[in-house]
Each structure stands twice: as structure tokens, then as C-alpha cells.
């Protein structure tokens, strides 16, 4: 899975969780929580959805590594590579 596919999947999952989020204007450098108005439960639901779809576990100690969209894409890419 390449970066564009991972990014598209994350944005689709965000749209599923927060339908009001404007994912069309997503910026890879923005904090997803702020950009898409995700509260803590929405963010945890996003991480659970990533785990469900890709079997990538993101432990709590790594949450700060996936707040930003571009960093989340890189994190997932590396996790998939290690599988």
C-alpha cells in the first residue's frame, strides 16, 4: 500500500467518523484533531478503524506520532512494512 492509498483510507475513515469534516481540503501538515474537529473519542475511533482495516496497532505511547495527517501516513506505512 502506497502513501496515497494510506492517506485516502485515513481520510475516508475520518469522513465515516465525522461526516461534517471537510477532508477535501486536507493538509498533510495539520493536526487532524484540529483540522477535522475530532474530539478524543473521534480520534480513538479513527485509530480503532485503522486497526480494523489494516491490522495496524497504534499504542497509546505513539499517539503523538499520528496526530498530523502526513505523520500518520508515514507511521502506518512503516507499520505495514514491518508486518
PDB file of N, CA and C in Angstrom:
ATOM      1  N   UNK A   1       0.852  -1.164   0.000  1.00  0.00           N
ATOM      2  CA  UNK A   1       0.000   0.000   0.000  1.00  0.00           C
ATOM      3  C   UNK A   1       0.904   1.235   0.000  1.00  0.00           C
ATOM      4  N   UNK A   2       0.663   2.152  -0.926  1.00  0.00           N
ATOM      5  CA  UNK A   2       1.499   3.346  -1.004  1.00  0.00           C
ATOM      6  C   UNK A   2       0.910   4.489  -0.170  1.00  0.00           C
ATOM      7  N   UNK A   3       1.667   5.582  -0.091  1.00  0.00           N
ATOM      8  CA  UNK A   3       1.256   6.706   0.749  1.00  0.00           C
ATOM      9  C   UNK A   3      -0.089   7.286   0.323  1.00  0.00           C
ATOM     10  N   UNK A   4      -0.315   7.405  -0.979  1.00  0.00           N
ATOM     11  CA  UNK A   4      -1.573   7.980  -1.463  1.00  0.00           C
ATOM     12  C   UNK A   4      -2.761   7.112  -1.049  1.00  0.00           C
ATOM     13  N   UNK A   5      -2.595   5.800  -1.106  1.00  0.00           N
ATOM     14  CA  UNK A   5      -3.670   4.886  -0.709  1.00  0.00           C
ATOM     15  C   UNK A   5      -3.921   4.949   0.796  1.00  0.00           C
ATOM     16  N   UNK A   6      -2.851   5.017   1.570  1.00  0.00           N
ATOM     17  CA  UNK A   6      -2.992   5.121   3.028  1.00  0.00           C
ATOM     18  C   UNK A   6      -3.681   6.441   3.390  1.00  0.00           C
ATOM     19  N   UNK A   7      -3.252   7.523   2.754  1.00  0.00           N
ATOM     20  CA  UNK A   7      -3.840   8.838   3.002  1.00  0.00           C
ATOM     21  C   UNK A   7      -5.330   8.834   2.659  1.00  0.00           C
ATOM     22  N   UNK A   8      -5.669   8.271   1.506  1.00  0.00           N
ATOM     23  CA  UNK A   8      -7.073   8.216   1.083  1.00  0.00           C
ATOM     24  C   UNK A   8      -7.901   7.400   2.067  1.00  0.00           C
ATOM     25  N   UNK A   9      -7.344   6.293   2.559  1.00  0.00           N
ATOM     26  CA  UNK A   9      -8.069   5.463   3.520  1.00  0.00           C
ATOM     27  C   UNK A   9      -8.285   6.220   4.826  1.00  0.00           C
ATOM     28  N   UNK A  10      -7.253   6.879   5.326  1.00  0.00           N
ATOM     29  CA  UNK A  10      -7.393   7.639   6.572  1.00  0.00           C
ATOM     30  C   UNK A  10      -8.456   8.718   6.407  1.00  0.00           C
ATOM     31  N   UNK A  11      -8.430   9.419   5.292  1.00  0.00           N
ATOM     32  CA  UNK A  11      -9.422  10.472   5.062  1.00  0.00           C
ATOM     33  C   UNK A  11     -10.831   9.892   4.945  1.00  0.00           C
ATOM     34  N   UNK A  12     -10.959   8.723   4.333  1.00  0.00           N
ATOM     35  CA  UNK A  12     -12.269   8.081   4.243  1.00  0.00           C
ATOM     36  C   UNK A  12     -12.763   7.683   5.634  1.00  0.00           C
ATOM     37  N   UNK A  13     -11.865   7.163   6.450  1.00  0.00           N
ATOM     38  CA  UNK A  13     -12.242   6.788   7.815  1.00  0.00           C
ATOM     39  C   UNK A  13     -12.662   8.013   8.613  1.00  0.00           C
ATOM     40  N   UNK A  14     -11.960   9.124   8.417  1.00  0.00           N
ATOM     41  CA  UNK A  14     -12.347  10.367   9.097  1.00  0.00           C
ATOM     42  C   UNK A  14     -13.740  10.783   8.646  1.00  0.00           C
ATOM     43  N   UNK A  15     -14.005  10.696   7.350  1.00  0.00           N
ATOM     44  CA  UNK A  15     -15.337  11.053   6.828  1.00  0.00           C
ATOM     45  C   UNK A  15     -16.424  10.165   7.417  1.00  0.00           C
ATOM     46  N   UNK A  16     -16.099   8.893   7.617  1.00  0.00           N
ATOM     47  CA  UNK A  16     -17.065   7.973   8.215  1.00  0.00           C
ATOM     48  C   UNK A  16     -17.361   8.342   9.671  1.00  0.00           C
ATOM     49  N   UNK A  17     -16.324   8.759  10.387  1.00  0.00           N
ATOM     50  CA  UNK A  17     -16.441   9.080  11.806  1.00  0.00           C
ATOM     51  C   UNK A  17     -17.040  10.471  12.014  1.00  0.00           C
ATOM     52  N   UNK A  18     -16.615  11.409  11.188  1.00  0.00           N
ATOM     53  CA  UNK A  18     -17.064  12.802  11.312  1.00  0.00           C
ATOM     54  C   UNK A  18     -17.522  13.292   9.939  1.00  0.00           C
ATOM     55  N   UNK A  19     -18.753  12.961   9.563  1.00  0.00           N
ATOM     56  CA  UNK A  19     -19.241  13.293   8.220  1.00  0.00           C
ATOM     57  C   UNK A  19     -19.187  14.785   7.876  1.00  0.00           C
ATOM     58  N   UNK A  20     -19.174  15.629   8.882  1.00  0.00           N
ATOM     59  CA  UNK A  20     -19.128  17.069   8.629  1.00  0.00           C
ATOM     60  C   UNK A  20     -17.718  17.567   8.306  1.00  0.00           C
ATOM     61  N   UNK A  21     -16.706  16.713   8.483  1.00  0.00           N
ATOM     62  CA  UNK A  21     -15.314  17.107   8.236  1.00  0.00           C
ATOM     63  C   UNK A  21     -15.081  17.332   6.748  1.00  0.00           C
ATOM     64  N   UNK A  22     -14.384  18.417   6.434  1.00  0.00           N
ATOM     65  CA  UNK A  22     -14.054  18.741   5.054  1.00  0.00           C
ATOM     66  C   UNK A  22     -12.701  18.117   4.715  1.00  0.00           C
ATOM     67  N   UNK A  23     -12.723  16.851   4.349  1.00  0.00           N
ATOM     68  CA  UNK A  23     -11.476  16.136   4.059  1.00  0.00           C
ATOM     69  C   UNK A  23     -10.910  16.499   2.688  1.00  0.00           C
ATOM     70  N   UNK A  24     -11.707  17.137   1.838  1.00  0.00           N
ATOM     71  CA  UNK A  24     -11.232  17.513   0.504  1.00  0.00           C
ATOM     72  C   UNK A  24     -10.103  18.539   0.588  1.00  0.00           C
ATOM     73  N   UNK A  25     -10.095  19.330   1.647  1.00  0.00           N
ATOM     74  CA  UNK A  25      -9.052  20.351   1.787  1.00  0.00           C
ATOM     75  C   UNK A  25      -7.988  19.929   2.806  1.00  0.00           C
ATOM     76  N   UNK A  26      -7.786  18.643   2.958  1.00  0.00           N
ATOM     77  CA  UNK A  26      -6.844  18.122   3.948  1.00  0.00           C
ATOM     78  C   UNK A  26      -5.417  18.569   3.635  1.00  0.00           C
ATOM     79  N   UNK A  27      -4.721  18.985   4.678  1.00  0.00           N
ATOM     80  CA  UNK A  27      -3.325  19.408   4.585  1.00  0.00           C
ATOM     81  C   UNK A  27      -2.503  18.417   5.395  1.00  0.00           C
ATOM     82  N   UNK A  28      -1.499  17.831   4.756  1.00  0.00           N
ATOM     83  CA  UNK A  28      -0.701  16.804   5.424  1.00  0.00           C
ATOM     84  C   UNK A  28       0.055  17.309   6.646  1.00  0.00           C
ATOM     85  N   UNK A  29       0.210  18.617   6.780  1.00  0.00           N
ATOM     86  CA  UNK A  29       0.940  19.177   7.914  1.00  0.00           C
ATOM     87  C   UNK A  29       0.079  19.595   9.082  1.00  0.00           C
ATOM     88  N   UNK A  30      -1.231  19.447   8.951  1.00  0.00           N
ATOM     89  CA  UNK A  30      -2.140  19.876  10.018  1.00  0.00           C
ATOM     90  C   UNK A  30      -2.436  18.747  10.996  1.00  0.00           C
ATOM     91  N   UNK A  31      -2.669  19.157  12.221  1.00  0.00           N
ATOM     92  CA  UNK A  31      -3.136  18.234  13.248  1.00  0.00           C
ATOM     93  C   UNK A  31      -4.562  17.825  12.863  1.00  0.00           C
ATOM     94  N   UNK A  32      -4.800  16.549  12.677  1.00  0.00           N
ATOM     95  CA  UNK A  32      -6.109  16.068  12.233  1.00  0.00           C
ATOM     96  C   UNK A  32      -7.208  16.408  13.229  1.00  0.00           C
ATOM     97  N   UNK A  33      -6.873  16.437  14.509  1.00  0.00           N
ATOM     98  CA  UNK A  33      -7.879  16.737  15.523  1.00  0.00           C
ATOM     99  C   UNK A  33      -8.418  18.150  15.335  1.00  0.00           C
ATOM    100  N   UNK A  34      -7.529  19.078  15.028  1.00  0.00           N
ATOM    101  CA  UNK A  34      -7.947  20.464  14.817  1.00  0.00           C
ATOM    102  C   UNK A  34      -8.565  20.656  13.433  1.00  0.00           C
ATOM    103  N   UNK A  35      -7.923  20.098  12.419  1.00  0.00           N
ATOM    104  CA  UNK A  35      -8.371  20.301  11.040  1.00  0.00           C
ATOM    105  C   UNK A  35      -9.773  19.758  10.798  1.00  0.00           C
ATOM    106  N   UNK A  36     -10.092  18.639  11.441  1.00  0.00           N
ATOM    107  CA  UNK A  36     -11.379  17.981  11.193  1.00  0.00           C
ATOM    108  C   UNK A  36     -12.298  18.004  12.404  1.00  0.00           C
ATOM    109  N   UNK A  37     -11.923  18.792  13.415  1.00  0.00           N
ATOM    110  CA  UNK A  37     -12.716  18.949  14.629  1.00  0.00           C
ATOM    111  C   UNK A  37     -13.039  17.594  15.267  1.00  0.00           C
ATOM    112  N   UNK A  38     -11.988  16.778  15.422  1.00  0.00           N
ATOM    113  CA  UNK A  38     -12.148  15.456  16.042  1.00  0.00           C
ATOM    114  C   UNK A  38     -11.944  15.582  17.544  1.00  0.00           C
ATOM    115  N   UNK A  39     -12.910  15.116  18.323  1.00  0.00           N
ATOM    116  CA  UNK A  39     -12.711  15.085  19.764  1.00  0.00           C
ATOM    117  C   UNK A  39     -11.934  13.819  20.111  1.00  0.00           C
ATOM    118  N   UNK A  40     -11.676  13.618  21.378  1.00  0.00           N
ATOM    119  CA  UNK A  40     -10.840  12.480  21.776  1.00  0.00           C
ATOM    120  C   UNK A  40     -11.466  11.139  21.402  1.00  0.00           C
ATOM    121  N   UNK A  41     -12.778  11.028  21.516  1.00  0.00           N
ATOM    122  CA  UNK A  41     -13.437   9.768  21.129  1.00  0.00           C
ATOM    123  C   UNK A  41     -13.369   9.556  19.623  1.00  0.00           C
ATOM    124  N   UNK A  42     -13.547  10.620  18.846  1.00  0.00           N
ATOM    125  CA  UNK A  42     -13.424  10.506  17.392  1.00  0.00           C
ATOM    126  C   UNK A  42     -12.022  10.027  17.022  1.00  0.00           C
ATOM    127  N   UNK A  43     -11.012  10.596  17.682  1.00  0.00           N
ATOM    128  CA  UNK A  43      -9.637  10.209  17.385  1.00  0.00           C
ATOM    129  C   UNK A  43      -9.391   8.751  17.737  1.00  0.00           C
ATOM    130  N   UNK A  44      -9.888   8.314  18.886  1.00  0.00           N
ATOM    131  CA  UNK A  44      -9.741   6.904  19.260  1.00  0.00           C
ATOM    132  C   UNK A  44     -10.499   5.999  18.293  1.00  0.00           C
ATOM    133  N   UNK A  45     -11.660   6.441  17.832  1.00  0.00           N
ATOM    134  CA  UNK A  45     -12.406   5.670  16.831  1.00  0.00           C
ATOM    135  C   UNK A  45     -11.631   5.577  15.524  1.00  0.00           C
ATOM    136  N   UNK A  46     -10.929   6.650  15.158  1.00  0.00           N
ATOM    137  CA  UNK A  46     -10.092   6.622  13.957  1.00  0.00           C
ATOM    138  C   UNK A  46      -8.983   5.586  14.099  1.00  0.00           C
ATOM    139  N   UNK A  47      -8.322   5.572  15.234  1.00  0.00           N
ATOM    140  CA  UNK A  47      -7.250   4.600  15.453  1.00  0.00           C
ATOM    141  C   UNK A  47      -7.791   3.175  15.448  1.00  0.00           C
ATOM    142  N   UNK A  48      -8.957   2.969  16.029  1.00  0.00           N
ATOM    143  CA  UNK A  48      -9.589   1.643  16.012  1.00  0.00           C
ATOM    144  C   UNK A  48      -9.948   1.237  14.588  1.00  0.00           C
ATOM    145  N   UNK A  49     -10.419   2.187  13.788  1.00  0.00           N
ATOM    146  CA  UNK A  49     -10.783   1.892  12.399  1.00  0.00           C
ATOM    147  C   UNK A  49      -9.545   1.553  11.580  1.00  0.00           C
ATOM    148  N   UNK A  50      -8.441   2.249  11.823  1.00  0.00           N
ATOM    149  CA  UNK A  50      -7.187   1.923  11.134  1.00  0.00           C
ATOM    150  C   UNK A  50      -6.766   0.510  11.498  1.00  0.00           C
ATOM    151  N   UNK A  51      -6.873   0.189  12.777  1.00  0.00           N
ATOM    152  CA  UNK A  51      -6.521  -1.167  13.217  1.00  0.00           C
ATOM    153  C   UNK A  51      -7.414  -2.210  12.550  1.00  0.00           C
ATOM    154  N   UNK A  52      -8.703  -1.929  12.491  1.00  0.00           N
ATOM    155  CA  UNK A  52      -9.647  -2.879  11.898  1.00  0.00           C
ATOM    156  C   UNK A  52      -9.381  -3.088  10.404  1.00  0.00           C
ATOM    157  N   UNK A  53      -9.122  -2.010   9.692  1.00  0.00           N
ATOM    158  CA  UNK A  53      -8.935  -2.092   8.234  1.00  0.00           C
ATOM    159  C   UNK A  53      -7.569  -2.631   7.840  1.00  0.00           C
ATOM    160  N   UNK A  54      -6.520  -2.219   8.564  1.00  0.00           N
ATOM    161  CA  UNK A  54      -5.158  -2.538   8.141  1.00  0.00           C
ATOM    162  C   UNK A  54      -4.397  -3.439   9.103  1.00  0.00           C
ATOM    163  N   UNK A  55      -5.014  -3.746  10.241  1.00  0.00           N
ATOM    164  CA  UNK A  55      -4.356  -4.559  11.272  1.00  0.00           C
ATOM    165  C   UNK A  55      -3.101  -3.885  11.810  1.00  0.00           C
ATOM    166  N   UNK A  56      -3.110  -2.550  11.825  1.00  0.00           N
ATOM    167  CA  UNK A  56      -2.004  -1.774  12.378  1.00  0.00           C
ATOM    168  C   UNK A  56      -2.420  -1.305  13.761  1.00  0.00           C
ATOM    169  N   UNK A  57      -1.673  -1.740  14.760  1.00  0.00           N
ATOM    170  CA  UNK A  57      -1.932  -1.324  16.132  1.00  0.00           C
ATOM    171  C   UNK A  57      -1.116  -0.074  16.427  1.00  0.00           C
ATOM    172  N   UNK A  58      -1.770   0.948  16.943  1.00  0.00           N
ATOM    173  CA  UNK A  58      -1.085   2.174  17.330  1.00  0.00           C
ATOM    174  C   UNK A  58      -1.211   2.296  18.841  1.00  0.00           C
ATOM    175  N   UNK A  59      -0.150   1.955  19.566  1.00  0.00           N
ATOM    176  CA  UNK A  59      -0.224   2.001  21.031  1.00  0.00           C
ATOM    177  C   UNK A  59      -0.322   3.438  21.535  1.00  0.00           C
ATOM    178  N   UNK A  60      -0.851   3.590  22.730  1.00  0.00           N
ATOM    179  CA  UNK A  60      -1.067   4.912  23.308  1.00  0.00           C
ATOM    180  C   UNK A  60       0.216   5.741  23.344  1.00  0.00           C
ATOM    181  N   UNK A  61       1.342   5.094  23.573  1.00  0.00           N
ATOM    182  CA  UNK A  61       2.608   5.829  23.640  1.00  0.00           C
ATOM    183  C   UNK A  61       2.979   6.477  22.300  1.00  0.00           C
ATOM    184  N   UNK A  62       2.354   6.016  21.202  1.00  0.00           N
ATOM    185  CA  UNK A  62       2.642   6.558  19.870  1.00  0.00           C
ATOM    186  C   UNK A  62       1.576   7.521  19.353  1.00  0.00           C
ATOM    187  N   UNK A  63       0.582   7.827  20.146  1.00  0.00           N
ATOM    188  CA  UNK A  63      -0.493   8.708  19.675  1.00  0.00           C
ATOM    189  C   UNK A  63       0.052  10.027  19.147  1.00  0.00           C
ATOM    190  N   UNK A  64       1.061  10.581  19.837  1.00  0.00           N
ATOM    191  CA  UNK A  64       1.605  11.869  19.395  1.00  0.00           C
ATOM    192  C   UNK A  64       2.293  11.777  18.037  1.00  0.00           C
ATOM    193  N   UNK A  65       2.563  10.577  17.575  1.00  0.00           N
ATOM    194  CA  UNK A  65       3.191  10.379  16.265  1.00  0.00           C
ATOM    195  C   UNK A  65       2.178  10.322  15.131  1.00  0.00           C
ATOM    196  N   UNK A  66       0.898  10.313  15.462  1.00  0.00           N
ATOM    197  CA  UNK A  66      -0.125  10.181  14.415  1.00  0.00           C
ATOM    198  C   UNK A  66      -1.181  11.288  14.467  1.00  0.00           C
ATOM    199  N   UNK A  67      -0.930  12.356  15.198  1.00  0.00           N
ATOM    200  CA  UNK A  67      -1.874  13.470  15.238  1.00  0.00           C
ATOM    201  C   UNK A  67      -1.916  14.214  13.901  1.00  0.00           C
ATOM    202  N   UNK A  68      -0.765  14.328  13.243  1.00  0.00           N
ATOM    203  CA  UNK A  68      -0.642  15.054  11.975  1.00  0.00           C
ATOM    204  C   UNK A  68      -0.841  14.067  10.828  1.00  0.00           C
ATOM    205  N   UNK A  69      -1.652  14.446   9.846  1.00  0.00           N
ATOM    206  CA  UNK A  69      -2.008  13.533   8.761  1.00  0.00           C
ATOM    207  C   UNK A  69      -0.789  12.935   8.071  1.00  0.00           C
ATOM    208  N   UNK A  70       0.153  13.738   7.670  1.00  0.00           N
ATOM    209  CA  UNK A  70       1.343  13.229   6.976  1.00  0.00           C
ATOM    210  C   UNK A  70       2.149  12.274   7.835  1.00  0.00           C
ATOM    211  N   UNK A  71       2.235  12.571   9.115  1.00  0.00           N
ATOM    212  CA  UNK A  71       2.966  11.696  10.037  1.00  0.00           C
ATOM    213  C   UNK A  71       2.209  10.395  10.263  1.00  0.00           C
ATOM    214  N   UNK A  72       0.882  10.462  10.275  1.00  0.00           N
ATOM    215  CA  UNK A  72       0.071   9.254  10.420  1.00  0.00           C
ATOM    216  C   UNK A  72       0.262   8.345   9.213  1.00  0.00           C
ATOM    217  N   UNK A  73       0.305   8.933   8.029  1.00  0.00           N
ATOM    218  CA  UNK A  73       0.531   8.143   6.808  1.00  0.00           C
ATOM    219  C   UNK A  73       1.881   7.437   6.899  1.00  0.00           C
ATOM    220  N   UNK A  74       2.927   8.163   7.293  1.00  0.00           N
ATOM    221  CA  UNK A  74       4.262   7.571   7.413  1.00  0.00           C
ATOM    222  C   UNK A  74       4.286   6.480   8.480  1.00  0.00           C
ATOM    223  N   UNK A  75       3.627   6.709   9.595  1.00  0.00           N
ATOM    224  CA  UNK A  75       3.578   5.717  10.679  1.00  0.00           C
ATOM    225  C   UNK A  75       2.918   4.430  10.188  1.00  0.00           C
ATOM    226  N   UNK A  76       1.782   4.570   9.526  1.00  0.00           N
ATOM    227  CA  UNK A  76       1.061   3.387   9.030  1.00  0.00           C
ATOM    228  C   UNK A  76       1.888   2.671   7.977  1.00  0.00           C
ATOM    229  N   UNK A  77       2.513   3.428   7.073  1.00  0.00           N
ATOM    230  CA  UNK A  77       3.359   2.819   6.033  1.00  0.00           C
ATOM    231  C   UNK A  77       4.453   1.966   6.670  1.00  0.00           C
ATOM    232  N   UNK A  78       5.134   2.514   7.663  1.00  0.00           N
ATOM    233  CA  UNK A  78       6.212   1.767   8.321  1.00  0.00           C
ATOM    234  C   UNK A  78       5.675   0.554   9.075  1.00  0.00           C
ATOM    235  N   UNK A  79       4.534   0.705   9.711  1.00  0.00           N
ATOM    236  CA  UNK A  79       3.935  -0.425  10.431  1.00  0.00           C
ATOM    237  C   UNK A  79       3.548  -1.539   9.462  1.00  0.00           C
ATOM    238  N   UNK A  80       3.021  -1.179   8.309  1.00  0.00           N
ATOM    239  CA  UNK A  80       2.667  -2.181   7.301  1.00  0.00           C
ATOM    240  C   UNK A  80       3.913  -2.860   6.756  1.00  0.00           C
ATOM    241  N   UNK A  81       4.976  -2.099   6.588  1.00  0.00           N
ATOM    242  CA  UNK A  81       6.237  -2.650   6.083  1.00  0.00           C
ATOM    243  C   UNK A  81       6.799  -3.694   7.062  1.00  0.00           C
ATOM    244  N   UNK A  82       6.630  -3.436   8.357  1.00  0.00           N
ATOM    245  CA  UNK A  82       7.159  -4.353   9.380  1.00  0.00           C
ATOM    246  C   UNK A  82       6.328  -5.629   9.519  1.00  0.00           C
ATOM    247  N   UNK A  83       5.103  -5.611   9.022  1.00  0.00           N
ATOM    248  CA  UNK A  83       4.222  -6.792   9.186  1.00  0.00           C
ATOM    249  C   UNK A  83       4.672  -7.939   8.320  1.00  0.00           C
TER     250      UNK A  83
END
